[in-house]
PDB file of N, CA and C in Angstrom:
ATOM      1  N   UNK A   1      -1.951   2.763  20.470  1.00  0.00           N
ATOM      2  CA  UNK A   1      -2.984   2.586  19.401  1.00  0.00           C
ATOM      3  C   UNK A   1      -2.715   0.552  18.632  1.00  0.00           C
ATOM      4  N   UNK A   2      -4.564   0.211  19.068  1.00  0.00           N
ATOM      5  CA  UNK A   2      -3.868  -1.248  18.736  1.00  0.00           C
ATOM      6  C   UNK A   2      -3.887  -1.613  17.452  1.00  0.00           C
ATOM      7  N   UNK A   3      -3.336  -2.766  17.402  1.00  0.00           N
ATOM      8  CA  UNK A   3      -3.389  -3.160  15.767  1.00  0.00           C
ATOM      9  C   UNK A   3      -4.786  -3.735  15.273  1.00  0.00           C
ATOM     10  N   UNK A   4      -4.909  -3.569  13.962  1.00  0.00           N
ATOM     11  CA  UNK A   4      -6.101  -3.464  13.547  1.00  0.00           C
ATOM     12  C   UNK A   4      -6.103  -5.209  13.081  1.00  0.00           C
ATOM     13  N   UNK A   5      -7.347  -6.235  13.547  1.00  0.00           N
ATOM     14  CA  UNK A   5      -7.390  -7.337  13.309  1.00  0.00           C
ATOM     15  C   UNK A   5      -7.893  -7.954  11.614  1.00  0.00           C
ATOM     16  N   UNK A   6      -8.543  -6.457  11.172  1.00  0.00           N
ATOM     17  CA  UNK A   6      -8.812  -6.669   9.857  1.00  0.00           C
ATOM     18  C   UNK A   6      -8.736  -5.417   9.125  1.00  0.00           C
ATOM     19  N   UNK A   7      -8.335  -5.281   7.922  1.00  0.00           N
ATOM     20  CA  UNK A   7      -8.083  -4.280   6.892  1.00  0.00           C
ATOM     21  C   UNK A   7      -8.958  -4.000   5.750  1.00  0.00           C
ATOM     22  N   UNK A   8      -9.024  -2.841   5.405  1.00  0.00           N
ATOM     23  CA  UNK A   8      -9.886  -2.455   4.532  1.00  0.00           C
ATOM     24  C   UNK A   8      -9.030  -2.294   3.588  1.00  0.00           C
ATOM     25  N   UNK A   9      -9.169  -3.496   1.706  1.00  0.00           N
ATOM     26  CA  UNK A   9      -8.068  -3.134   0.754  1.00  0.00           C
ATOM     27  C   UNK A   9      -8.179  -2.195  -0.012  1.00  0.00           C
ATOM     28  N   UNK A  10      -7.799  -1.062  -0.606  1.00  0.00           N
ATOM     29  CA  UNK A  10      -7.387  -0.669  -2.033  1.00  0.00           C
ATOM     30  C   UNK A  10      -6.767  -1.283  -3.323  1.00  0.00           C
ATOM     31  N   UNK A  11      -7.449  -1.224  -4.541  1.00  0.00           N
ATOM     32  CA  UNK A  11      -6.772  -2.004  -5.200  1.00  0.00           C
ATOM     33  C   UNK A  11      -7.397  -1.576  -6.857  1.00  0.00           C
ATOM     34  N   UNK A  12      -6.423  -0.693  -7.802  1.00  0.00           N
ATOM     35  CA  UNK A  12      -6.703  -0.392  -9.187  1.00  0.00           C
ATOM     36  C   UNK A  12      -6.151  -0.959 -10.105  1.00  0.00           C
ATOM     37  N   UNK A  13      -6.319  -2.602  -9.762  1.00  0.00           N
ATOM     38  CA  UNK A  13      -6.005  -3.139 -10.851  1.00  0.00           C
ATOM     39  C   UNK A  13      -7.024  -3.752 -11.820  1.00  0.00           C
ATOM     40  N   UNK A  14      -7.271  -3.476 -13.018  1.00  0.00           N
ATOM     41  CA  UNK A  14      -8.773  -3.618 -13.390  1.00  0.00           C
ATOM     42  C   UNK A  14      -9.452  -5.212 -13.079  1.00  0.00           C
ATOM     43  N   UNK A  15      -8.935  -6.296 -12.928  1.00  0.00           N
ATOM     44  CA  UNK A  15      -9.756  -7.132 -12.579  1.00  0.00           C
ATOM     45  C   UNK A  15      -9.071  -7.585 -11.181  1.00  0.00           C
ATOM     46  N   UNK A  16      -8.743  -6.920 -10.146  1.00  0.00           N
ATOM     47  CA  UNK A  16      -8.261  -7.001  -8.911  1.00  0.00           C
ATOM     48  C   UNK A  16      -7.372  -7.962  -8.543  1.00  0.00           C
ATOM     49  N   UNK A  17      -7.137  -8.744  -7.650  1.00  0.00           N
ATOM     50  CA  UNK A  17      -6.106  -9.723  -7.260  1.00  0.00           C
ATOM     51  C   UNK A  17      -6.797 -10.473  -6.761  1.00  0.00           C
ATOM     52  N   UNK A  18      -6.138 -12.644  -6.879  1.00  0.00           N
ATOM     53  CA  UNK A  18      -6.726 -13.010  -5.641  1.00  0.00           C
ATOM     54  C   UNK A  18      -5.502 -13.541  -5.134  1.00  0.00           C
ATOM     55  N   UNK A  19      -5.655 -14.404  -3.939  1.00  0.00           N
ATOM     56  CA  UNK A  19      -4.298 -15.273  -3.073  1.00  0.00           C
ATOM     57  C   UNK A  19      -4.853 -15.681  -2.432  1.00  0.00           C
ATOM     58  N   UNK A  20      -4.376 -16.651  -1.897  1.00  0.00           N
ATOM     59  CA  UNK A  20      -4.629 -18.267  -0.883  1.00  0.00           C
ATOM     60  C   UNK A  20      -3.679 -17.747   0.261  1.00  0.00           C
ATOM     61  N   UNK A  21      -4.325 -18.018   1.386  1.00  0.00           N
ATOM     62  CA  UNK A  21      -3.754 -18.139   2.862  1.00  0.00           C
ATOM     63  C   UNK A  21      -4.331 -18.777   3.391  1.00  0.00           C
ATOM     64  N   UNK A  22      -3.620 -20.155   3.647  1.00  0.00           N
ATOM     65  CA  UNK A  22      -4.164 -21.557   4.329  1.00  0.00           C
ATOM     66  C   UNK A  22      -5.029 -21.569   3.571  1.00  0.00           C
ATOM     67  N   UNK A  23      -6.034 -22.087   4.349  1.00  0.00           N
ATOM     68  CA  UNK A  23      -7.285 -22.843   3.318  1.00  0.00           C
ATOM     69  C   UNK A  23      -8.029 -21.951   2.357  1.00  0.00           C
ATOM     70  N   UNK A  24      -7.638 -20.577   3.031  1.00  0.00           N
ATOM     71  CA  UNK A  24      -8.927 -19.282   2.193  1.00  0.00           C
ATOM     72  C   UNK A  24      -8.114 -18.668   1.063  1.00  0.00           C
ATOM     73  N   UNK A  25      -9.147 -18.676  -0.020  1.00  0.00           N
ATOM     74  CA  UNK A  25      -8.953 -17.712  -0.840  1.00  0.00           C
ATOM     75  C   UNK A  25      -9.774 -16.445  -0.712  1.00  0.00           C
ATOM     76  N   UNK A  26      -8.646 -15.048  -1.102  1.00  0.00           N
ATOM     77  CA  UNK A  26      -9.128 -14.188  -0.776  1.00  0.00           C
ATOM     78  C   UNK A  26      -8.737 -13.197  -1.887  1.00  0.00           C
ATOM     79  N   UNK A  27      -9.861 -12.860  -2.638  1.00  0.00           N
ATOM     80  CA  UNK A  27     -10.449 -11.931  -3.428  1.00  0.00           C
ATOM     81  C   UNK A  27     -10.434 -10.647  -3.305  1.00  0.00           C
ATOM     82  N   UNK A  28      -9.520  -9.854  -3.969  1.00  0.00           N
ATOM     83  CA  UNK A  28      -9.436  -8.203  -3.698  1.00  0.00           C
ATOM     84  C   UNK A  28     -10.571  -7.772  -4.867  1.00  0.00           C
ATOM     85  N   UNK A  29     -11.491  -6.708  -4.853  1.00  0.00           N
ATOM     86  CA  UNK A  29     -12.005  -6.129  -6.088  1.00  0.00           C
ATOM     87  C   UNK A  29     -11.137  -5.037  -6.472  1.00  0.00           C
ATOM     88  N   UNK A  30     -11.358  -5.035  -7.817  1.00  0.00           N
ATOM     89  CA  UNK A  30     -10.286  -3.903  -8.771  1.00  0.00           C
ATOM     90  C   UNK A  30     -11.181  -2.787  -8.713  1.00  0.00           C
ATOM     91  N   UNK A  31     -10.756  -2.268 -10.109  1.00  0.00           N
ATOM     92  CA  UNK A  31     -11.308  -1.637 -10.863  1.00  0.00           C
ATOM     93  C   UNK A  31     -12.673  -1.258 -11.374  1.00  0.00           C
ATOM     94  N   UNK A  32     -12.987  -2.513 -11.875  1.00  0.00           N
ATOM     95  CA  UNK A  32     -14.040  -3.285 -12.625  1.00  0.00           C
ATOM     96  C   UNK A  32     -14.988  -3.663 -11.686  1.00  0.00           C
ATOM     97  N   UNK A  33     -14.937  -3.105 -10.207  1.00  0.00           N
ATOM     98  CA  UNK A  33     -16.241  -3.395  -9.517  1.00  0.00           C
ATOM     99  C   UNK A  33     -16.676  -2.258  -9.245  1.00  0.00           C
ATOM    100  N   UNK A  34     -17.928  -2.726  -8.404  1.00  0.00           N
ATOM    101  CA  UNK A  34     -19.179  -1.816  -8.641  1.00  0.00           C
ATOM    102  C   UNK A  34     -19.039  -0.933  -7.499  1.00  0.00           C
ATOM    103  N   UNK A  35     -18.625  -1.401  -6.146  1.00  0.00           N
ATOM    104  CA  UNK A  35     -18.115  -0.657  -4.873  1.00  0.00           C
ATOM    105  C   UNK A  35     -16.731  -0.128  -5.283  1.00  0.00           C
ATOM    106  N   UNK A  36     -16.624   1.184  -5.677  1.00  0.00           N
ATOM    107  CA  UNK A  36     -15.301   1.664  -6.422  1.00  0.00           C
ATOM    108  C   UNK A  36     -15.104   2.935  -5.438  1.00  0.00           C
ATOM    109  N   UNK A  37     -13.992   3.374  -4.945  1.00  0.00           N
ATOM    110  CA  UNK A  37     -13.495   4.645  -4.320  1.00  0.00           C
ATOM    111  C   UNK A  37     -12.560   5.131  -4.578  1.00  0.00           C
ATOM    112  N   UNK A  38     -13.300   6.452  -5.836  1.00  0.00           N
ATOM    113  CA  UNK A  38     -12.075   6.894  -6.453  1.00  0.00           C
ATOM    114  C   UNK A  38     -11.296   5.991  -7.280  1.00  0.00           C
ATOM    115  N   UNK A  39     -11.813   5.229  -7.637  1.00  0.00           N
ATOM    116  CA  UNK A  39     -10.865   4.333  -9.042  1.00  0.00           C
ATOM    117  C   UNK A  39     -10.625   3.042  -8.673  1.00  0.00           C
ATOM    118  N   UNK A  40     -10.485   2.872  -6.869  1.00  0.00           N
ATOM    119  CA  UNK A  40     -10.014   2.001  -6.480  1.00  0.00           C
ATOM    120  C   UNK A  40     -11.078   0.843  -5.934  1.00  0.00           C
ATOM    121  N   UNK A  41     -11.092  -0.598  -6.082  1.00  0.00           N
ATOM    122  CA  UNK A  41     -11.637  -1.573  -5.836  1.00  0.00           C
ATOM    123  C   UNK A  41     -11.900  -1.372  -4.508  1.00  0.00           C
ATOM    124  N   UNK A  42     -12.978  -2.095  -3.630  1.00  0.00           N
ATOM    125  CA  UNK A  42     -12.546  -1.844  -2.059  1.00  0.00           C
ATOM    126  C   UNK A  42     -12.638  -3.477  -1.172  1.00  0.00           C
ATOM    127  N   UNK A  43     -12.267  -3.779  -0.478  1.00  0.00           N
ATOM    128  CA  UNK A  43     -12.699  -4.879  -0.190  1.00  0.00           C
ATOM    129  C   UNK A  43     -12.720  -5.029   1.485  1.00  0.00           C
ATOM    130  N   UNK A  44     -13.487  -5.365   2.069  1.00  0.00           N
ATOM    131  CA  UNK A  44     -13.107  -4.756   3.304  1.00  0.00           C
ATOM    132  C   UNK A  44     -13.250  -6.381   4.105  1.00  0.00           C
ATOM    133  N   UNK A  45     -12.660  -6.432   5.240  1.00  0.00           N
ATOM    134  CA  UNK A  45     -12.646  -7.296   6.479  1.00  0.00           C
ATOM    135  C   UNK A  45     -11.678  -8.846   6.005  1.00  0.00           C
ATOM    136  N   UNK A  46     -10.362  -7.946   5.118  1.00  0.00           N
ATOM    137  CA  UNK A  46      -9.443  -8.979   4.840  1.00  0.00           C
ATOM    138  C   UNK A  46      -8.493  -9.387   6.291  1.00  0.00           C
ATOM    139  N   UNK A  47      -8.221 -10.539   6.748  1.00  0.00           N
ATOM    140  CA  UNK A  47      -7.441 -10.838   8.028  1.00  0.00           C
ATOM    141  C   UNK A  47      -6.222 -10.243   7.880  1.00  0.00           C
ATOM    142  N   UNK A  48      -5.950  -9.291   9.028  1.00  0.00           N
ATOM    143  CA  UNK A  48      -4.202  -8.950   9.284  1.00  0.00           C
ATOM    144  C   UNK A  48      -3.662  -9.908   9.041  1.00  0.00           C
ATOM    145  N   UNK A  49      -3.423 -10.973   9.513  1.00  0.00           N
ATOM    146  CA  UNK A  49      -2.732 -12.029   9.216  1.00  0.00           C
ATOM    147  C   UNK A  49      -2.094 -12.350   7.544  1.00  0.00           C
ATOM    148  N   UNK A  50      -3.662 -12.133   6.738  1.00  0.00           N
ATOM    149  CA  UNK A  50      -3.516 -12.999   5.646  1.00  0.00           C
ATOM    150  C   UNK A  50      -2.892 -11.553   4.729  1.00  0.00           C
ATOM    151  N   UNK A  51      -3.786 -10.269   4.742  1.00  0.00           N
ATOM    152  CA  UNK A  51      -3.019  -9.220   4.310  1.00  0.00           C
ATOM    153  C   UNK A  51      -1.235  -8.824   4.572  1.00  0.00           C
ATOM    154  N   UNK A  52      -0.923  -8.949   5.755  1.00  0.00           N
ATOM    155  CA  UNK A  52       0.797  -9.054   6.060  1.00  0.00           C
ATOM    156  C   UNK A  52       1.628 -10.133   5.650  1.00  0.00           C
ATOM    157  N   UNK A  53       0.771 -11.240   5.328  1.00  0.00           N
ATOM    158  CA  UNK A  53       1.630 -12.441   4.774  1.00  0.00           C
ATOM    159  C   UNK A  53       2.126 -11.917   3.315  1.00  0.00           C
ATOM    160  N   UNK A  54       0.250 -11.722   2.698  1.00  0.00           N
ATOM    161  CA  UNK A  54       0.759 -11.612   1.057  1.00  0.00           C
ATOM    162  C   UNK A  54       1.723 -10.541   0.829  1.00  0.00           C
ATOM    163  N   UNK A  55       1.304  -9.131   1.832  1.00  0.00           N
ATOM    164  CA  UNK A  55       2.528  -7.792   1.735  1.00  0.00           C
ATOM    165  C   UNK A  55       3.340  -8.694   2.026  1.00  0.00           C
ATOM    166  N   UNK A  56       4.121  -8.971   2.736  1.00  0.00           N
ATOM    167  CA  UNK A  56       5.773  -9.249   2.686  1.00  0.00           C
ATOM    168  C   UNK A  56       6.320 -10.224   1.853  1.00  0.00           C
ATOM    169  N   UNK A  57       5.002 -10.644   1.142  1.00  0.00           N
ATOM    170  CA  UNK A  57       5.453 -11.783   0.021  1.00  0.00           C
ATOM    171  C   UNK A  57       6.032 -11.191  -1.270  1.00  0.00           C
ATOM    172  N   UNK A  58       4.809 -10.338  -1.457  1.00  0.00           N
ATOM    173  CA  UNK A  58       5.031  -9.173  -2.684  1.00  0.00           C
ATOM    174  C   UNK A  58       5.572  -7.859  -2.410  1.00  0.00           C
ATOM    175  N   UNK A  59       6.247  -7.538  -1.395  1.00  0.00           N
ATOM    176  CA  UNK A  59       7.069  -6.458  -1.223  1.00  0.00           C
ATOM    177  C   UNK A  59       7.938  -5.798  -2.506  1.00  0.00           C
ATOM    178  N   UNK A  60       8.176  -6.309  -3.177  1.00  0.00           N
ATOM    179  CA  UNK A  60       9.018  -6.052  -4.504  1.00  0.00           C
ATOM    180  C   UNK A  60       8.537  -5.691  -5.343  1.00  0.00           C
ATOM    181  N   UNK A  61       6.977  -6.397  -5.213  1.00  0.00           N
ATOM    182  CA  UNK A  61       6.366  -6.367  -6.473  1.00  0.00           C
ATOM    183  C   UNK A  61       5.896  -4.327  -6.609  1.00  0.00           C
ATOM    184  N   UNK A  62       5.489  -3.971  -7.833  1.00  0.00           N
ATOM    185  CA  UNK A  62       5.275  -2.347  -8.610  1.00  0.00           C
ATOM    186  C   UNK A  62       3.833  -2.201  -8.070  1.00  0.00           C
ATOM    187  N   UNK A  63       3.272  -3.106  -7.866  1.00  0.00           N
ATOM    188  CA  UNK A  63       2.116  -3.112  -7.560  1.00  0.00           C
ATOM    189  C   UNK A  63       1.396  -2.878  -6.074  1.00  0.00           C
ATOM    190  N   UNK A  64       2.414  -3.419  -5.274  1.00  0.00           N
ATOM    191  CA  UNK A  64       2.711  -2.825  -3.815  1.00  0.00           C
ATOM    192  C   UNK A  64       3.475  -1.668  -3.674  1.00  0.00           C
ATOM    193  N   UNK A  65       4.769  -1.270  -4.198  1.00  0.00           N
ATOM    194  CA  UNK A  65       5.354  -0.142  -4.223  1.00  0.00           C
ATOM    195  C   UNK A  65       4.537   0.978  -4.817  1.00  0.00           C
ATOM    196  N   UNK A  66       4.242   0.874  -5.426  1.00  0.00           N
ATOM    197  CA  UNK A  66       3.721   2.317  -6.046  1.00  0.00           C
ATOM    198  C   UNK A  66       2.174   2.440  -5.443  1.00  0.00           C
ATOM    199  N   UNK A  67       1.606   1.494  -4.733  1.00  0.00           N
ATOM    200  CA  UNK A  67       0.259   2.095  -4.007  1.00  0.00           C
ATOM    201  C   UNK A  67      -0.788   1.771  -5.029  1.00  0.00           C
ATOM    202  N   UNK A  68      -0.954   0.848  -5.729  1.00  0.00           N
ATOM    203  CA  UNK A  68      -2.090   0.308  -6.522  1.00  0.00           C
ATOM    204  C   UNK A  68      -3.157  -0.869  -5.774  1.00  0.00           C
ATOM    205  N   UNK A  69      -2.287  -1.271  -5.040  1.00  0.00           N
ATOM    206  CA  UNK A  69      -3.063  -2.649  -4.121  1.00  0.00           C
ATOM    207  C   UNK A  69      -2.267  -1.755  -2.341  1.00  0.00           C
ATOM    208  N   UNK A  70      -3.078  -1.206  -1.573  1.00  0.00           N
ATOM    209  CA  UNK A  70      -2.414  -1.309  -0.351  1.00  0.00           C
ATOM    210  C   UNK A  70      -3.868  -1.517   0.905  1.00  0.00           C
ATOM    211  N   UNK A  71      -3.167  -1.454   1.430  1.00  0.00           N
ATOM    212  CA  UNK A  71      -4.368  -1.603   3.241  1.00  0.00           C
ATOM    213  C   UNK A  71      -4.438  -0.883   4.254  1.00  0.00           C
ATOM    214  N   UNK A  72      -5.581  -0.197   4.478  1.00  0.00           N
ATOM    215  CA  UNK A  72      -5.790   1.001   5.559  1.00  0.00           C
ATOM    216  C   UNK A  72      -7.041   0.199   6.252  1.00  0.00           C
ATOM    217  N   UNK A  73      -6.887   0.826   7.749  1.00  0.00           N
ATOM    218  CA  UNK A  73      -7.461   0.014   8.833  1.00  0.00           C
ATOM    219  C   UNK A  73      -9.087   0.603   8.857  1.00  0.00           C
ATOM    220  N   UNK A  74      -9.423   1.554   7.877  1.00  0.00           N
ATOM    221  CA  UNK A  74     -10.725   1.884   8.024  1.00  0.00           C
ATOM    222  C   UNK A  74     -11.582   2.568   6.752  1.00  0.00           C
ATOM    223  N   UNK A  75     -12.349   2.429   6.571  1.00  0.00           N
ATOM    224  CA  UNK A  75     -13.513   3.344   5.307  1.00  0.00           C
ATOM    225  C   UNK A  75     -12.926   4.667   4.970  1.00  0.00           C
ATOM    226  N   UNK A  76     -12.865   5.504   6.298  1.00  0.00           N
ATOM    227  CA  UNK A  76     -12.291   6.929   6.263  1.00  0.00           C
ATOM    228  C   UNK A  76     -10.934   7.232   5.623  1.00  0.00           C
ATOM    229  N   UNK A  77     -10.090   6.239   6.323  1.00  0.00           N
ATOM    230  CA  UNK A  77      -8.565   5.911   5.668  1.00  0.00           C
ATOM    231  C   UNK A  77      -8.866   5.860   4.233  1.00  0.00           C
ATOM    232  N   UNK A  78      -9.259   4.505   3.893  1.00  0.00           N
ATOM    233  CA  UNK A  78      -9.223   4.331   2.126  1.00  0.00           C
ATOM    234  C   UNK A  78      -9.873   5.577   1.620  1.00  0.00           C
ATOM    235  N   UNK A  79     -10.767   6.361   1.546  1.00  0.00           N
ATOM    236  CA  UNK A  79     -11.323   7.498   1.035  1.00  0.00           C
ATOM    237  C   UNK A  79     -10.193   8.728   1.230  1.00  0.00           C
ATOM    238  N   UNK A  80      -9.209   8.863   2.360  1.00  0.00           N
ATOM    239  CA  UNK A  80      -8.249   9.832   1.780  1.00  0.00           C
ATOM    240  C   UNK A  80      -7.049   8.821   1.073  1.00  0.00           C
ATOM    241  N   UNK A  81      -6.568   8.119   1.489  1.00  0.00           N
ATOM    242  CA  UNK A  81      -5.223   7.085   0.686  1.00  0.00           C
ATOM    243  C   UNK A  81      -6.061   7.353  -0.409  1.00  0.00           C
ATOM    244  N   UNK A  82      -7.171   6.437  -1.173  1.00  0.00           N
ATOM    245  CA  UNK A  82      -7.265   6.759  -2.320  1.00  0.00           C
ATOM    246  C   UNK A  82      -7.620   7.943  -2.919  1.00  0.00           C
ATOM    247  N   UNK A  83      -7.538   8.942  -2.028  1.00  0.00           N
ATOM    248  CA  UNK A  83      -7.384  10.964  -3.092  1.00  0.00           C
ATOM    249  C   UNK A  83      -6.187  10.525  -3.498  1.00  0.00           C
ATOM    250  N   UNK A  84      -5.586  10.291  -2.442  1.00  0.00           N
ATOM    251  CA  UNK A  84      -3.674  10.623  -2.295  1.00  0.00           C
ATOM    252  C   UNK A  84      -3.124   9.659  -3.535  1.00  0.00           C
ATOM    253  N   UNK A  85      -3.592   8.653  -4.296  1.00  0.00           N
ATOM    254  CA  UNK A  85      -2.925   7.619  -5.180  1.00  0.00           C
ATOM    255  C   UNK A  85      -4.072   7.952  -6.615  1.00  0.00           C
ATOM    256  N   UNK A  86      -5.335   8.969  -6.940  1.00  0.00           N
ATOM    257  CA  UNK A  86      -5.960   8.361  -7.771  1.00  0.00           C
ATOM    258  C   UNK A  86      -5.208   8.699  -8.730  1.00  0.00           C
ATOM    259  N   UNK A  87      -3.940   9.398  -9.284  1.00  0.00           N
ATOM    260  CA  UNK A  87      -3.203  10.082 -10.286  1.00  0.00           C
ATOM    261  C   UNK A  87      -2.084   8.671 -10.857  1.00  0.00           C
ATOM    262  N   UNK A  88      -1.996   7.839  -9.810  1.00  0.00           N
ATOM    263  CA  UNK A  88      -1.189   6.760 -10.039  1.00  0.00           C
ATOM    264  C   UNK A  88      -1.944   5.982 -11.065  1.00  0.00           C
ATOM    265  N   UNK A  89      -0.579   5.185 -12.503  1.00  0.00           N
ATOM    266  CA  UNK A  89      -1.199   4.941 -13.271  1.00  0.00           C
ATOM    267  C   UNK A  89      -0.529   3.600 -13.044  1.00  0.00           C
ATOM    268  N   UNK A  90      -1.526   2.322 -13.315  1.00  0.00           N
ATOM    269  CA  UNK A  90      -1.329   0.930 -13.334  1.00  0.00           C
ATOM    270  C   UNK A  90      -0.568   0.608 -14.380  1.00  0.00           C
ATOM    271  N   UNK A  91      -0.198   0.946 -15.287  1.00  0.00           N
ATOM    272  CA  UNK A  91       0.250   0.358 -17.257  1.00  0.00           C
ATOM    273  C   UNK A  91      -0.948  -0.119 -17.655  1.00  0.00           C
ATOM    274  N   UNK A  92      -2.505  -0.710 -17.469  1.00  0.00           N
ATOM    275  CA  UNK A  92      -2.988  -1.104 -17.847  1.00  0.00           C
ATOM    276  C   UNK A  92      -4.009  -0.662 -18.721  1.00  0.00           C
ATOM    277  N   UNK A  93      -3.782   1.202 -18.337  1.00  0.00           N
ATOM    278  CA  UNK A  93      -5.313   1.814 -18.355  1.00  0.00           C
ATOM    279  C   UNK A  93      -5.301   1.846 -20.276  1.00  0.00           C
ATOM    280  N   UNK A  94      -6.504   1.920 -21.132  1.00  0.00           N
ATOM    281  CA  UNK A  94      -6.420   1.868 -22.313  1.00  0.00           C
ATOM    282  C   UNK A  94      -5.714   3.116 -22.954  1.00  0.00           C
ATOM    283  N   UNK A  95      -4.860   2.462 -24.009  1.00  0.00           N
ATOM    284  CA  UNK A  95      -3.919   3.180 -24.738  1.00  0.00           C
ATOM    285  C   UNK A  95      -5.028   4.614 -25.490  1.00  0.00           C
ATOM    286  N   UNK A  96      -4.602   5.988 -25.683  1.00  0.00           N
ATOM    287  CA  UNK A  96      -5.136   6.664 -26.633  1.00  0.00           C
ATOM    288  C   UNK A  96      -4.461   6.071 -27.927  1.00  0.00           C
ATOM    289  N   UNK A  97      -5.347   6.952 -28.996  1.00  0.00           N
ATOM    290  CA  UNK A  97      -4.992   6.813 -29.990  1.00  0.00           C
ATOM    291  C   UNK A  97      -3.865   7.196 -30.622  1.00  0.00           C
ATOM    292  N   UNK A  98      -3.362   8.282 -29.794  1.00  0.00           N
ATOM    293  CA  UNK A  98      -1.938   8.584 -30.286  1.00  0.00           C
ATOM    294  C   UNK A  98      -0.940   8.296 -30.089  1.00  0.00           C
ATOM    295  N   UNK A  99      -0.902   7.453 -28.500  1.00  0.00           N
ATOM    296  CA  UNK A  99       0.129   6.436 -28.456  1.00  0.00           C
ATOM    297  C   UNK A  99       0.113   5.330 -29.120  1.00  0.00           C
ATOM    298  N   UNK A 100      -0.507   4.699 -29.086  1.00  0.00           N
ATOM    299  CA  UNK A 100      -1.281   3.599 -29.616  1.00  0.00           C
ATOM    300  C   UNK A 100      -0.839   3.865 -31.194  1.00  0.00           C
ATOM    301  N   UNK A 101      -0.654   4.804 -32.073  1.00  0.00           N
ATOM    302  CA  UNK A 101      -0.072   4.700 -33.314  1.00  0.00           C
ATOM    303  C   UNK A 101      -1.380   4.634 -33.960  1.00  0.00           C
ATOM    304  N   UNK A 102      -2.529   5.017 -33.906  1.00  0.00           N
ATOM    305  CA  UNK A 102      -3.428   4.562 -34.385  1.00  0.00           C
ATOM    306  C   UNK A 102      -4.350   5.671 -35.035  1.00  0.00           C
ATOM    307  N   UNK A 103      -4.332   5.162 -36.812  1.00  0.00           N
ATOM    308  CA  UNK A 103      -4.579   6.842 -37.991  1.00  0.00           C
ATOM    309  C   UNK A 103      -6.166   6.358 -38.309  1.00  0.00           C
ATOM    310  N   UNK A 104      -6.800   7.320 -38.553  1.00  0.00           N
ATOM    311  CA  UNK A 104      -7.643   7.163 -39.318  1.00  0.00           C
ATOM    312  C   UNK A 104      -7.540   6.311 -40.639  1.00  0.00           C
ATOM    313  N   UNK A 105      -8.089   5.631 -41.492  1.00  0.00           N
ATOM    314  CA  UNK A 105      -8.216   4.891 -42.386  1.00  0.00           C
ATOM    315  C   UNK A 105      -8.620   5.920 -43.334  1.00  0.00           C
ATOM    316  N   UNK A 106      -7.764   6.915 -44.695  1.00  0.00           N
ATOM    317  CA  UNK A 106      -8.820   7.342 -45.267  1.00  0.00           C
ATOM    318  C   UNK A 106      -9.399   6.771 -46.812  1.00  0.00           C
ATOM    319  N   UNK A 107     -10.728   7.598 -46.895  1.00  0.00           N
ATOM    320  CA  UNK A 107     -11.099   6.678 -48.199  1.00  0.00           C
ATOM    321  C   UNK A 107      -9.946   7.231 -49.350  1.00  0.00           C
ATOM    322  N   UNK A 108     -10.257   6.313 -51.038  1.00  0.00           N
ATOM    323  CA  UNK A 108      -9.513   7.098 -52.126  1.00  0.00           C
ATOM    324  C   UNK A 108     -10.177   7.489 -52.530  1.00  0.00           C
TER     325      UNK A 108
END
């Protein structure tokens, strides 16, 4: 199977990510994007060279290790990959009242 020249990137971080590759600035759509697939922002046509350099530089980052940001070769694969990762937490989700220790203010 031939190596893909471009990737489709899924990113569950709320505001996405941006990075530079040479003179090019690449912006990955995040969970606040209007184009979502199972809670992941979708960015099409990221060059394989740019993605592979980014992934190599950040291979030890939690967002790569935990599948919060990932690359696939086509949109069908993105559908499958986002379903597999849909329950993955980023750590940036809104806290519930209980976990944040919020109590209702009682009138005296």
